[in-house]
Amino acid sequence: MASRSTAATGLTQWLLIAALIILADQFTKILVIGAFQLGDTRPVTGFFNLVRAHNYGAAFSFLHGASGWQRWFFLVLGIVAAGFIIWMLRRHGQQKLFAWALTLILGGALGNVIDRAVHGYVVDFIQVHAGGWYFPAFNIADAAISVGAALLIVDELRRVRRS
């Protein structure tokens, strides 16, 4: 019984962190929606702009130009992925690096799922550029997913090295 209680406490901790990521993501998107019109750009530094972009697709605007079915596909995919991640956190929440990776991905995925459900697209607003090259605009949720994915790779490399 104690192990279930410990697992539940660990899961709660990870879910609270994911909730903080979702709140930060949604708060920043609300600020951008209130301050920017679609397509507006404000330079912040020589390599960083704030913009307002709408992404109807997925990473790097994959399927952005599809006929609308992608909204529901990515919304369902995000919900299914979140369910799987929660299941994985319940089973492996004691593995700190792995759990951090999953938690970041969970928070980011649900942040973007909320956008798809509410707006029909994901609000992006961070634009990095250098030497005339512009990285596709992204948001806090996308950054969390990217860092989580990198941590998954590091965790797996560490696991392989130990065995």
Protein backbone atom coordinates (compact mmCIF):
# COMPACT_ATOMS: atom_id res chain seq x y z
CA MET A 1 0.00 0.00 0.00
CA ALA A 2 2.85 2.39 0.79
CA SER A 3 4.28 1.99 -2.73
CA ARG A 4 0.97 3.03 -4.29
CA SER A 5 0.85 6.08 -2.05
CA THR A 6 4.43 6.97 -2.96
CA ALA A 7 3.66 6.48 -6.66
CA ALA A 8 0.57 8.70 -6.36
CA THR A 9 2.57 11.40 -4.59
CA GLY A 10 5.26 11.24 -7.27
CA LEU A 11 2.67 11.41 -10.04
CA THR A 12 1.01 14.40 -8.37
CA GLN A 13 4.37 16.20 -8.26
CA TRP A 14 4.95 15.63 -11.98
CA LEU A 15 1.40 16.65 -12.88
CA LEU A 16 1.77 19.89 -10.91
CA ILE A 17 4.95 20.72 -12.81
CA ALA A 18 3.17 19.98 -16.10
CA ALA A 19 0.33 22.26 -14.97
CA LEU A 20 2.84 25.08 -14.35
CA ILE A 21 4.18 24.65 -17.87
CA ILE A 22 0.64 24.79 -19.26
CA LEU A 23 -0.13 27.93 -17.23
CA ALA A 24 3.06 29.69 -18.37
CA ASP A 25 2.36 28.71 -21.98
CA GLN A 26 -1.26 29.84 -21.95
CA PHE A 27 -0.49 33.06 -20.05
CA THR A 28 2.15 34.11 -22.58
CA LYS A 29 -0.17 33.28 -25.47
CA ILE A 30 -2.95 35.40 -23.93
CA LEU A 31 -0.49 38.30 -23.66
CA VAL A 32 0.52 37.91 -27.31
CA ILE A 33 -3.08 37.66 -28.51
CA GLY A 34 -3.92 40.83 -26.58
CA ALA A 35 -0.93 42.84 -27.79
CA PHE A 36 -0.37 41.65 -31.38
CA GLN A 37 -2.36 41.29 -34.55
CA LEU A 38 -1.65 38.25 -36.72
CA GLY A 39 1.67 38.84 -38.49
CA ASP A 40 2.88 41.65 -36.19
CA THR A 41 6.60 41.54 -35.35
CA ARG A 42 8.48 43.41 -32.63
CA PRO A 43 12.28 43.16 -32.53
CA VAL A 44 13.62 42.46 -29.04
CA THR A 45 17.33 41.88 -29.77
CA GLY A 46 19.45 41.46 -32.88
CA PHE A 47 18.52 37.77 -33.00
CA PHE A 48 15.12 37.56 -31.33
CA ASN A 49 11.67 38.91 -32.24
CA LEU A 50 8.23 38.61 -30.73
CA VAL A 51 5.68 37.79 -33.42
CA ARG A 52 2.15 36.54 -33.67
CA ALA A 53 1.78 33.51 -35.88
CA HIS A 54 -0.91 30.86 -36.14
CA ASN A 55 0.17 27.30 -36.84
CA TYR A 56 -2.61 25.06 -38.13
CA GLY A 57 -0.18 22.16 -38.48
CA ALA A 58 2.42 20.58 -36.23
CA ALA A 59 6.15 21.08 -35.72
CA PHE A 60 7.70 23.34 -38.37
CA SER A 61 4.17 23.88 -39.77
CA PHE A 62 3.89 20.25 -40.92
CA LEU A 63 0.40 19.91 -42.51
CA HIS A 64 -0.23 23.64 -42.00
CA GLY A 65 -1.96 23.90 -45.37
CA ALA A 66 -4.19 20.83 -45.00
CA SER A 67 -7.95 21.26 -45.28
CA GLY A 68 -8.75 21.37 -41.55
CA TRP A 69 -8.77 17.71 -40.59
CA GLN A 70 -5.31 18.14 -39.04
CA ARG A 71 -6.81 20.20 -36.18
CA TRP A 72 -8.75 17.19 -34.93
CA PHE A 73 -5.98 14.73 -35.73
CA PHE A 74 -3.39 16.65 -33.70
CA LEU A 75 -5.88 17.36 -30.92
CA VAL A 76 -6.69 13.64 -30.53
CA LEU A 77 -3.03 12.70 -30.92
CA GLY A 78 -2.10 15.14 -28.15
CA ILE A 79 -4.76 13.75 -25.80
CA VAL A 80 -3.73 10.14 -26.49
CA ALA A 81 -0.05 11.04 -26.01
CA ALA A 82 -0.89 12.80 -22.73
CA GLY A 83 -2.70 9.71 -21.49
CA PHE A 84 0.27 7.51 -22.38
CA ILE A 85 2.71 9.93 -20.73
CA ILE A 86 0.65 9.99 -17.52
CA TRP A 87 0.64 6.19 -17.52
CA MET A 88 4.44 6.21 -18.00
CA LEU A 89 4.89 8.77 -15.20
CA ARG A 90 2.81 6.60 -12.88
CA ARG A 91 5.08 3.62 -13.59
CA HIS A 92 8.45 5.39 -13.83
CA GLY A 93 8.06 8.64 -11.87
CA GLN A 94 10.95 7.69 -9.60
CA GLN A 95 13.38 7.89 -12.56
CA LYS A 96 14.06 11.62 -12.25
CA LEU A 97 15.55 12.50 -15.63
CA PHE A 98 13.04 10.34 -17.51
CA ALA A 99 10.15 11.81 -15.51
CA TRP A 100 11.36 15.38 -16.12
CA ALA A 101 11.51 14.65 -19.85
CA LEU A 102 8.00 13.21 -19.87
CA THR A 103 6.64 16.05 -17.73
CA LEU A 104 8.02 18.72 -20.06
CA ILE A 105 6.55 16.92 -23.07
CA LEU A 106 3.22 16.50 -21.28
CA GLY A 107 2.96 20.17 -20.33
CA GLY A 108 3.91 21.29 -23.82
CA ALA A 109 1.60 18.86 -25.58
CA LEU A 110 -1.38 19.88 -23.45
CA GLY A 111 -0.57 23.58 -23.89
CA ASN A 112 -0.82 23.13 -27.65
CA VAL A 113 -3.90 20.87 -27.34
CA ILE A 114 -5.66 23.70 -25.50
CA ASP A 115 -4.85 26.06 -28.39
CA ARG A 116 -6.20 23.63 -30.96
CA ALA A 117 -9.39 23.10 -28.95
CA VAL A 118 -9.99 26.82 -28.31
CA HIS A 119 -8.65 28.50 -31.45
CA GLY A 120 -8.27 25.77 -34.05
CA TYR A 121 -4.57 26.57 -34.34
CA VAL A 122 -1.50 26.95 -32.13
CA VAL A 123 -0.36 30.47 -31.25
CA ASP A 124 3.38 30.91 -31.84
CA PHE A 125 5.29 34.03 -30.83
CA ILE A 126 9.02 33.41 -30.35
CA GLN A 127 11.14 34.01 -33.44
CA VAL A 128 14.90 33.48 -33.47
CA HIS A 129 16.97 34.68 -36.42
CA ALA A 130 20.55 35.27 -37.51
CA GLY A 131 22.19 36.37 -40.73
CA GLY A 132 18.90 36.57 -42.60
CA TRP A 133 17.92 33.04 -41.55
CA TYR A 134 14.70 32.77 -39.52
CA PHE A 135 13.86 29.74 -37.41
CA PRO A 136 10.10 28.95 -37.50
CA ALA A 137 8.17 30.75 -34.77
CA PHE A 138 7.44 28.69 -31.67
CA ASN A 139 6.04 29.05 -28.14
CA ILE A 140 6.65 27.95 -24.53
CA ALA A 141 4.89 24.62 -25.14
CA ASP A 142 7.10 23.88 -28.15
CA ALA A 143 10.21 24.76 -26.14
CA ALA A 144 9.12 22.43 -23.31
CA ILE A 145 8.51 19.61 -25.79
CA SER A 146 11.93 20.17 -27.40
CA VAL A 147 13.78 20.23 -24.07
CA GLY A 148 11.82 17.15 -22.96
CA ALA A 149 12.77 15.31 -26.15
CA ALA A 150 16.44 16.23 -25.63
CA LEU A 151 16.26 14.96 -22.04
CA LEU A 152 14.76 11.69 -23.30
CA ILE A 153 17.77 11.26 -25.59
CA VAL A 154 20.20 12.05 -22.76
CA ASP A 155 18.37 9.63 -20.46
CA GLU A 156 18.55 6.86 -23.06
CA LEU A 157 22.24 7.51 -23.75
CA ARG A 158 22.94 7.31 -20.01
CA ARG A 159 20.93 4.09 -19.77
CA VAL A 160 22.86 2.54 -22.69
CA ARG A 161 26.19 3.62 -21.23
CA ARG A 162 25.35 1.95 -17.88
CA SER A 163 24.51 -1.39 -19.49
